[in-house]
């Protein structure tokens, strides 16, 4: 059983930056593709970014491409989401997720399918 704990959320002005962290425990971190998702009030949860088990491959939603960067440190069992040039539309609860890595894992994560573990989320609020 893998536990995922997000941190780093908070209130930031538009144009600012935040770095989210996702600390994993209870499993072999490098077995998993990791992803970040978000859910704004009244909206469905949506894909933000994913990263392969090694960190060698990444994938982003069009809405965050060029502004957000996903990374991971397998030695620290932690995944990160660096968010720059934040917009009010980025306001949401951000969730970390893990999926056992296969060749299709990252593509499948894009559609929120087959996620093995979810964190409880961290709130990001971007003021205008």
Protein backbone atom coordinates (compact mmCIF):
# COMPACT_ATOMS: atom_id res chain seq x y z
CA UNK A 1 0.00 0.00 0.00
CA UNK A 2 1.49 3.31 -1.10
CA UNK A 3 0.71 6.52 0.74
CA UNK A 4 1.03 9.84 -1.05
CA UNK A 5 1.15 13.16 0.81
CA UNK A 6 1.09 16.45 -1.05
CA UNK A 7 2.45 19.71 0.31
CA UNK A 8 3.38 23.18 -0.89
CA UNK A 9 -0.02 24.58 -1.74
CA UNK A 10 -1.14 28.02 -0.67
CA UNK A 11 -2.23 31.47 -1.78
CA UNK A 12 -0.23 33.24 -4.48
CA UNK A 13 -0.78 36.25 -6.71
CA UNK A 14 -1.20 35.88 -10.44
CA UNK A 15 2.18 35.62 -12.10
CA UNK A 16 3.73 34.02 -9.05
CA UNK A 17 5.18 30.58 -8.50
CA UNK A 18 4.67 27.60 -6.23
CA UNK A 19 6.38 24.24 -5.91
CA UNK A 20 4.28 21.27 -4.91
CA UNK A 21 5.80 18.14 -3.42
CA UNK A 22 4.43 14.61 -3.23
CA UNK A 23 6.09 12.36 -0.68
CA UNK A 24 5.55 8.64 -1.18
CA UNK A 25 5.90 5.86 1.36
CA UNK A 26 5.05 2.18 1.70
CA UNK A 27 6.20 1.00 -1.71
CA UNK A 28 8.97 1.00 -4.28
CA UNK A 29 8.69 4.52 -5.65
CA UNK A 30 10.60 3.80 -8.83
CA UNK A 31 7.98 1.22 -9.88
CA UNK A 32 5.47 3.96 -10.49
CA UNK A 33 4.71 6.60 -13.04
CA UNK A 34 3.69 9.71 -11.13
CA UNK A 35 1.13 12.28 -12.07
CA UNK A 36 -0.40 15.53 -10.94
CA UNK A 37 -4.08 16.29 -11.37
CA UNK A 38 -6.31 19.14 -10.27
CA UNK A 39 -9.94 19.79 -9.48
CA UNK A 40 -11.40 23.26 -9.47
CA UNK A 41 -14.65 24.03 -7.62
CA UNK A 42 -17.61 22.68 -9.54
CA UNK A 43 -15.44 21.00 -12.16
CA UNK A 44 -14.22 17.50 -12.84
CA UNK A 45 -10.74 16.38 -11.92
CA UNK A 46 -8.33 16.89 -14.81
CA UNK A 47 -4.87 15.76 -15.80
CA UNK A 48 -2.00 18.22 -15.34
CA UNK A 49 1.29 16.37 -15.82
CA UNK A 50 2.90 12.93 -15.67
CA UNK A 51 6.42 11.57 -15.43
CA UNK A 52 7.88 8.15 -16.13
CA UNK A 53 9.52 5.97 -13.50
CA UNK A 54 12.98 7.25 -14.39
CA UNK A 55 12.03 10.86 -15.01
CA UNK A 56 13.19 10.54 -18.59
CA UNK A 57 9.77 11.13 -20.09
CA UNK A 58 7.18 13.75 -19.22
CA UNK A 59 3.78 14.76 -20.52
CA UNK A 60 1.71 17.90 -19.89
CA UNK A 61 -1.79 19.19 -20.40
CA UNK A 62 -1.86 21.93 -23.02
CA UNK A 63 -3.15 24.39 -20.43
CA UNK A 64 0.06 24.19 -18.37
CA UNK A 65 2.68 23.42 -21.01
CA UNK A 66 5.56 25.86 -20.77
CA UNK A 67 4.54 27.04 -17.29
CA UNK A 68 4.62 23.88 -15.16
CA UNK A 69 7.43 21.36 -14.77
CA UNK A 70 7.08 17.89 -13.27
CA UNK A 71 10.11 16.14 -11.81
CA UNK A 72 10.98 13.39 -9.38
CA UNK A 73 13.76 12.30 -7.06
CA UNK A 74 13.67 8.53 -6.64
CA UNK A 75 16.29 8.68 -3.88
CA UNK A 76 13.90 10.85 -1.85
CA UNK A 77 10.69 9.07 -2.93
CA UNK A 78 9.29 12.44 -3.93
CA UNK A 79 7.68 13.96 -6.99
CA UNK A 80 7.43 17.68 -7.63
CA UNK A 81 5.39 20.14 -9.64
CA UNK A 82 7.01 23.51 -10.24
CA UNK A 83 4.31 26.00 -11.20
CA UNK A 84 5.32 29.32 -12.73
CA UNK A 85 3.33 32.19 -14.24
CA UNK A 86 0.29 31.13 -12.28
CA UNK A 87 -3.13 32.31 -13.37
CA UNK A 88 -6.43 32.56 -11.46
CA UNK A 89 -7.65 29.68 -13.65
CA UNK A 90 -5.03 27.46 -12.02
CA UNK A 91 -6.90 27.67 -8.71
CA UNK A 92 -7.77 24.12 -7.66
CA UNK A 93 -7.02 21.28 -5.32
CA UNK A 94 -3.94 19.55 -6.71
CA UNK A 95 -3.64 15.79 -6.33
CA UNK A 96 -0.65 13.53 -6.68
CA UNK A 97 -1.19 10.05 -8.12
CA UNK A 98 0.80 6.90 -8.80
CA UNK A 99 0.35 4.17 -11.36
CA UNK A 100 2.46 1.06 -11.77
CA UNK A 101 4.67 1.83 -14.71
CA UNK A 102 4.06 0.20 -18.06
CA UNK A 103 4.71 1.44 -21.57
CA UNK A 104 1.14 2.77 -21.66
CA UNK A 105 1.01 4.13 -18.12
CA UNK A 106 1.53 7.78 -18.90
CA UNK A 107 -0.93 7.84 -21.79
CA UNK A 108 -3.54 6.09 -19.65
CA UNK A 109 -3.00 8.49 -16.76
CA UNK A 110 -3.94 11.35 -19.05
CA UNK A 111 -7.50 9.98 -19.02
CA UNK A 112 -7.45 9.35 -15.23
CA UNK A 113 -7.66 5.61 -15.90
CA UNK A 114 -6.08 2.89 -13.82
CA UNK A 115 -4.64 5.13 -11.12
CA UNK A 116 -3.36 2.89 -8.33
CA UNK A 117 -2.99 5.48 -5.58
CA UNK A 118 -4.16 9.03 -4.89
CA UNK A 119 -3.05 11.60 -2.39
CA UNK A 120 -5.54 13.72 -0.48
CA UNK A 121 -4.66 16.93 -2.27
CA UNK A 122 -3.30 20.39 -1.54
CA UNK A 123 -5.15 23.62 -2.28
CA UNK A 124 -3.64 26.20 -4.62
CA UNK A 125 -5.36 29.56 -4.80
CA UNK A 126 -4.23 32.17 -7.33
CA UNK A 127 -5.52 35.68 -6.75
CA UNK A 128 -5.89 38.26 -9.53
